[in-house]
Amino acid sequence: MSPDPMKAHPDDENEIHDIAAFVDPARNVVTPVMQLSEELAGQLVWAFARIVRAAHGSRAARTPDEDGITRAQEFEEGDVYMLERPFDGYFASRYLMDFYNVEERGICSRMHLHTGLRFVRMMTGPGTTIRVGSLSPFLVTNVPGVTPFIPFQFEDELPDLPQGVERTRYNLLVPPNSFVDMQIPRGVSHQFNAIGPNAVIDSVHPEESIETFRERMSGFKMLAQTIFLTEDRPDASNCSDLREEE
């Protein structure tokens, strides 16, 4: 049986649900992949970022194609480009995201969830850390002799909540010059904030056509496939604290 739709308004790009009542249906799984030299990491991250920036300068990528798909889009955490689109008989898509630097922008992205599952590979270059947040603790893969490092984690209180509401935020840091994967089940809370200029995500949406149909959306839009849990974007100080490991 197909799951019920999650959204009240399918094409709303800023739908907000009650964070006080929200409960994660599962947990995010994080898998550290590798750490690289500054030079190599910087080259790889820039190569991916350059694709996104070229797309956002391309009229073709910013214009709906014959199926109404616009490949170059904006998301709360960064500019995105649909590198590979779904087609008949193939439900998945692949996006690249060039992160905004929260220190330059002055605000954080909000805690949110998606209408379908996600598989993301976070990649950082020199001088850049990605702070990942969730309302549930992360499960971290640790295969002795294979897993290259264990990311630092800490807890704090999610900021800018309605009066009387308190929620613990679980945080995990992707250090500079690293690749880290995260499996995000449908409807599980998360947020990404890049502290520094060199960070990208390579993200697979395994069921994009299915979730778009299930939610009765009119097209493929990342923001429409997102449900936010807070109304305001917090000040950058609420997501740029990297807390040294004690």
Protein backbone atom coordinates (compact mmCIF):
# COMPACT_ATOMS: atom_id res chain seq x y z
CA MET A 1 0.00 0.00 0.00
CA SER A 2 1.33 3.42 -0.93
CA PRO A 3 1.99 5.80 2.00
CA ASP A 4 -0.40 8.69 2.50
CA PRO A 5 0.59 12.17 1.27
CA MET A 6 2.48 14.27 3.81
CA LYS A 7 1.65 17.76 2.60
CA ALA A 8 -1.49 19.82 3.10
CA HIS A 9 -0.81 21.88 -0.03
CA PRO A 10 1.16 19.91 -2.64
CA ASP A 11 2.86 22.78 -4.47
CA ASP A 12 3.49 24.99 -1.43
CA GLU A 13 7.22 25.82 -1.33
CA ASN A 14 7.12 27.00 2.28
CA GLU A 15 4.78 24.57 4.05
CA ILE A 16 5.39 24.55 7.80
CA HIS A 17 4.30 21.81 10.20
CA ASP A 18 3.99 21.92 13.98
CA ILE A 19 7.41 21.20 15.47
CA ALA A 20 5.98 20.68 18.95
CA ALA A 21 4.04 17.62 17.77
CA PHE A 22 6.59 16.33 15.28
CA VAL A 23 8.20 12.92 15.87
CA ASP A 24 10.82 11.45 13.56
CA PRO A 25 9.62 8.14 12.09
CA ALA A 26 13.21 6.86 11.80
CA ARG A 27 16.81 8.08 12.10
CA ASN A 28 19.41 9.37 9.68
CA VAL A 29 22.34 7.05 9.01
CA VAL A 30 25.76 8.67 8.49
CA THR A 31 28.69 6.89 6.82
CA PRO A 32 32.12 8.55 6.75
CA VAL A 33 33.69 7.70 3.38
CA MET A 34 37.13 9.30 3.14
CA GLN A 35 39.43 12.17 4.01
CA LEU A 36 41.55 13.79 1.32
CA SER A 37 44.44 16.19 1.02
CA GLU A 38 43.51 19.88 0.91
CA GLU A 39 44.62 20.12 -2.70
CA LEU A 40 42.62 17.14 -3.96
CA ALA A 41 39.51 17.94 -1.90
CA GLY A 42 39.57 21.53 -3.11
CA GLN A 43 39.81 20.47 -6.75
CA LEU A 44 36.96 17.97 -6.46
CA VAL A 45 34.61 20.30 -4.60
CA TRP A 46 35.29 23.13 -7.04
CA ALA A 47 34.68 20.81 -10.02
CA PHE A 48 31.19 19.97 -8.71
CA ALA A 49 30.43 23.55 -7.67
CA ARG A 50 31.42 24.78 -11.12
CA ILE A 51 28.76 22.56 -12.72
CA VAL A 52 26.05 24.10 -10.53
CA ARG A 53 27.26 27.63 -11.20
CA ALA A 54 27.38 27.00 -14.94
CA ALA A 55 23.80 25.69 -14.79
CA HIS A 56 22.58 28.80 -13.00
CA GLY A 57 24.16 30.89 -15.74
CA SER A 58 22.50 28.81 -18.46
CA ARG A 59 19.17 29.90 -19.92
CA ALA A 60 18.44 26.31 -20.97
CA ALA A 61 18.96 24.96 -17.43
CA ARG A 62 16.76 27.71 -15.98
CA THR A 63 13.94 27.12 -18.49
CA PRO A 64 11.38 24.28 -18.22
CA ASP A 65 12.06 21.49 -20.71
CA GLU A 66 9.48 19.60 -22.78
CA ASP A 67 8.25 17.83 -19.62
CA GLY A 68 8.16 21.01 -17.55
CA ILE A 69 11.33 20.19 -15.59
CA THR A 70 13.58 23.08 -14.63
CA ARG A 71 17.03 21.74 -13.83
CA ALA A 72 18.55 24.82 -12.12
CA GLN A 73 16.74 25.56 -8.86
CA GLU A 74 17.33 27.35 -5.56
CA PHE A 75 17.06 25.60 -2.22
CA GLU A 76 17.37 26.97 1.29
CA GLU A 77 20.85 25.50 1.76
CA GLY A 78 22.32 26.32 -1.64
CA ASP A 79 21.90 26.47 -5.41
CA VAL A 80 21.00 23.14 -7.00
CA TYR A 81 21.16 21.53 -10.42
CA MET A 82 19.28 18.41 -11.50
CA LEU A 83 22.14 16.56 -13.14
CA GLU A 84 20.01 13.56 -14.10
CA ARG A 85 16.23 13.69 -14.41
CA PRO A 86 13.56 11.00 -14.06
CA PHE A 87 11.96 9.51 -17.16
CA ASP A 88 9.34 6.86 -17.98
CA GLY A 89 10.34 3.65 -16.23
CA TYR A 90 13.02 5.35 -14.10
CA PHE A 91 11.86 7.09 -10.93
CA ALA A 92 15.13 8.48 -9.54
CA SER A 93 16.92 11.77 -10.07
CA ARG A 94 20.28 13.20 -9.08
CA TYR A 95 21.05 16.72 -7.88
CA LEU A 96 24.20 18.67 -7.17
CA MET A 97 24.07 21.45 -4.58
CA ASP A 98 26.58 24.25 -4.15
CA PHE A 99 26.25 25.29 -0.51
CA TYR A 100 25.76 28.84 0.65
CA ASN A 101 28.32 29.94 3.24
CA VAL A 102 26.29 30.80 6.35
CA GLU A 103 29.01 33.18 7.54
CA GLU A 104 28.54 35.25 4.38
CA ARG A 105 24.76 34.95 4.27
CA GLY A 106 24.21 35.64 7.96
CA ILE A 107 21.36 33.13 8.39
CA CYS A 108 20.98 29.37 8.85
CA SER A 109 18.84 26.96 6.90
CA ARG A 110 15.81 25.60 8.74
CA MET A 111 15.10 22.15 10.11
CA HIS A 112 13.03 20.29 7.52
CA LEU A 113 12.02 16.93 6.07
CA HIS A 114 11.24 15.60 2.61
CA THR A 115 8.31 13.79 1.04
CA GLY A 116 10.61 11.00 -0.16
CA LEU A 117 13.82 9.36 0.95
CA ARG A 118 17.21 10.88 0.08
CA PHE A 119 20.77 9.66 -0.27
CA VAL A 120 23.33 12.44 0.00
CA ARG A 121 27.11 12.60 -0.22
CA MET A 122 28.48 15.67 1.55
CA MET A 123 31.85 16.88 0.30
CA THR A 124 33.99 19.56 1.92
CA GLY A 125 37.12 21.34 0.80
CA PRO A 126 39.68 23.44 2.66
CA GLY A 127 38.50 25.68 5.48
CA THR A 128 34.93 24.40 5.38
CA THR A 129 32.82 22.31 7.77
CA ILE A 130 29.24 21.15 7.26
CA ARG A 131 27.14 21.16 10.42
CA VAL A 132 24.33 18.62 10.12
CA GLY A 133 21.36 18.76 12.47
CA SER A 134 18.38 16.53 13.28
CA LEU A 135 15.73 16.17 15.96
CA SER A 136 16.85 12.55 16.49
CA PRO A 137 20.32 11.14 17.20
CA PHE A 138 22.35 10.03 14.20
CA LEU A 139 23.32 6.43 13.56
CA VAL A 140 26.98 6.41 12.48
CA THR A 141 28.49 3.55 10.49
CA ASN A 142 31.74 2.31 12.02
CA VAL A 143 33.42 -0.64 10.34
CA PRO A 144 36.79 -1.18 12.07
CA GLY A 145 39.68 -0.95 9.66
CA VAL A 146 37.51 0.66 6.95
CA THR A 147 35.69 3.69 8.39
CA PRO A 148 38.25 6.53 8.16
CA PHE A 149 37.03 8.64 11.11
CA ILE A 150 34.10 9.17 13.46
CA PRO A 151 32.47 12.62 13.15
CA PHE A 152 32.23 14.80 16.25
CA GLN A 153 28.70 15.14 17.63
CA PHE A 154 27.05 17.38 20.21
CA GLU A 155 23.60 18.51 21.34
CA ASP A 156 22.01 21.92 21.75
CA GLU A 157 18.56 23.49 21.78
CA LEU A 158 16.90 24.28 18.46
CA PRO A 159 16.54 28.07 18.29
CA ASP A 160 13.62 30.35 17.42
CA LEU A 161 10.82 28.04 18.52
CA PRO A 162 7.33 29.14 19.61
CA GLN A 163 7.03 30.21 23.23
CA GLY A 164 6.98 27.23 25.56
CA VAL A 165 8.36 24.77 22.98
CA GLU A 166 11.77 23.18 23.50
CA ARG A 167 13.43 20.66 21.19
CA THR A 168 16.87 19.10 21.43
CA ARG A 169 18.93 19.37 18.27
CA TYR A 170 21.48 16.64 17.55
CA ASN A 171 24.49 17.93 15.62
CA LEU A 172 27.19 16.19 13.61
CA LEU A 173 30.20 17.83 11.96
CA VAL A 174 31.63 16.94 8.56
CA PRO A 175 35.24 18.16 8.83
CA PRO A 176 37.21 19.89 6.07
CA ASN A 177 38.47 17.82 3.13
CA SER A 178 36.06 14.95 3.77
CA PHE A 179 33.36 12.90 2.05
CA VAL A 180 30.49 11.75 4.29
CA ASP A 181 27.29 9.99 3.18
CA MET A 182 23.88 10.27 4.82
CA GLN A 183 20.82 8.11 4.24
CA ILE A 184 17.68 10.11 5.02
CA PRO A 185 14.43 8.14 5.34
CA ARG A 186 11.20 9.75 4.18
CA GLY A 187 9.91 12.29 6.68
CA VAL A 188 13.00 12.39 8.92
CA SER A 189 14.19 15.80 10.12
CA HIS A 190 17.52 17.27 9.07
CA GLN A 191 19.32 20.47 8.18
CA PHE A 192 22.67 21.26 6.56
CA ASN A 193 24.71 24.41 7.09
CA ALA A 194 28.13 25.01 5.54
CA ILE A 195 30.59 27.10 7.51
CA GLY A 196 33.09 28.12 4.86
CA PRO A 197 33.05 28.53 1.06
CA ASN A 198 33.90 25.02 -0.17
CA ALA A 199 31.07 22.51 0.23
CA VAL A 200 28.84 20.58 -2.15
CA ILE A 201 26.32 17.75 -2.01
CA ASP A 202 25.74 15.00 -4.56
CA SER A 203 22.18 13.87 -3.81
CA VAL A 204 20.11 11.00 -5.20
CA HIS A 205 16.31 11.15 -4.91
CA PRO A 206 15.48 7.48 -5.49
CA GLU A 207 11.71 7.93 -5.79
CA GLU A 208 11.24 11.47 -7.08
CA SER A 209 8.61 10.59 -9.69
CA ILE A 210 6.75 8.46 -7.13
CA GLU A 211 6.72 11.09 -4.40
CA THR A 212 5.64 13.81 -6.84
CA PHE A 213 2.71 11.64 -7.95
CA ARG A 214 1.92 10.54 -4.38
CA GLU A 215 1.76 14.15 -3.17
CA ARG A 216 -0.16 15.23 -6.30
CA MET A 217 2.41 17.91 -7.10
CA SER A 218 2.30 19.67 -10.44
CA GLY A 219 6.02 19.24 -11.12
CA PHE A 220 9.51 18.48 -9.84
CA LYS A 221 10.47 21.19 -7.36
CA MET A 222 12.80 20.57 -4.42
CA LEU A 223 11.12 23.19 -2.25
CA ALA A 224 7.69 21.70 -2.89
CA GLN A 225 9.07 18.31 -1.82
CA THR A 226 10.11 19.88 1.48
CA ILE A 227 8.24 20.49 4.74
CA PHE A 228 9.78 22.99 7.14
CA LEU A 229 9.50 22.74 10.91
CA THR A 230 10.18 26.37 11.79
CA GLU A 231 8.99 29.60 10.25
CA ASP A 232 12.04 31.82 10.63
CA ARG A 233 15.62 31.29 9.50
CA PRO A 234 17.84 31.67 12.58
CA ASP A 235 20.79 34.01 12.77
CA ALA A 236 24.07 32.45 11.57
CA SER A 237 25.38 32.29 15.14
CA ASN A 238 22.88 29.48 15.76
CA CYS A 239 24.53 27.13 13.26
CA SER A 240 28.14 28.32 12.89
CA ASP A 241 29.28 27.20 16.35
CA LEU A 242 31.54 24.18 15.77
CA ARG A 243 32.29 23.41 19.44
CA GLU A 244 35.68 21.86 19.81
CA GLU A 245 35.65 18.27 20.99
CA GLU A 246 36.18 18.05 24.73
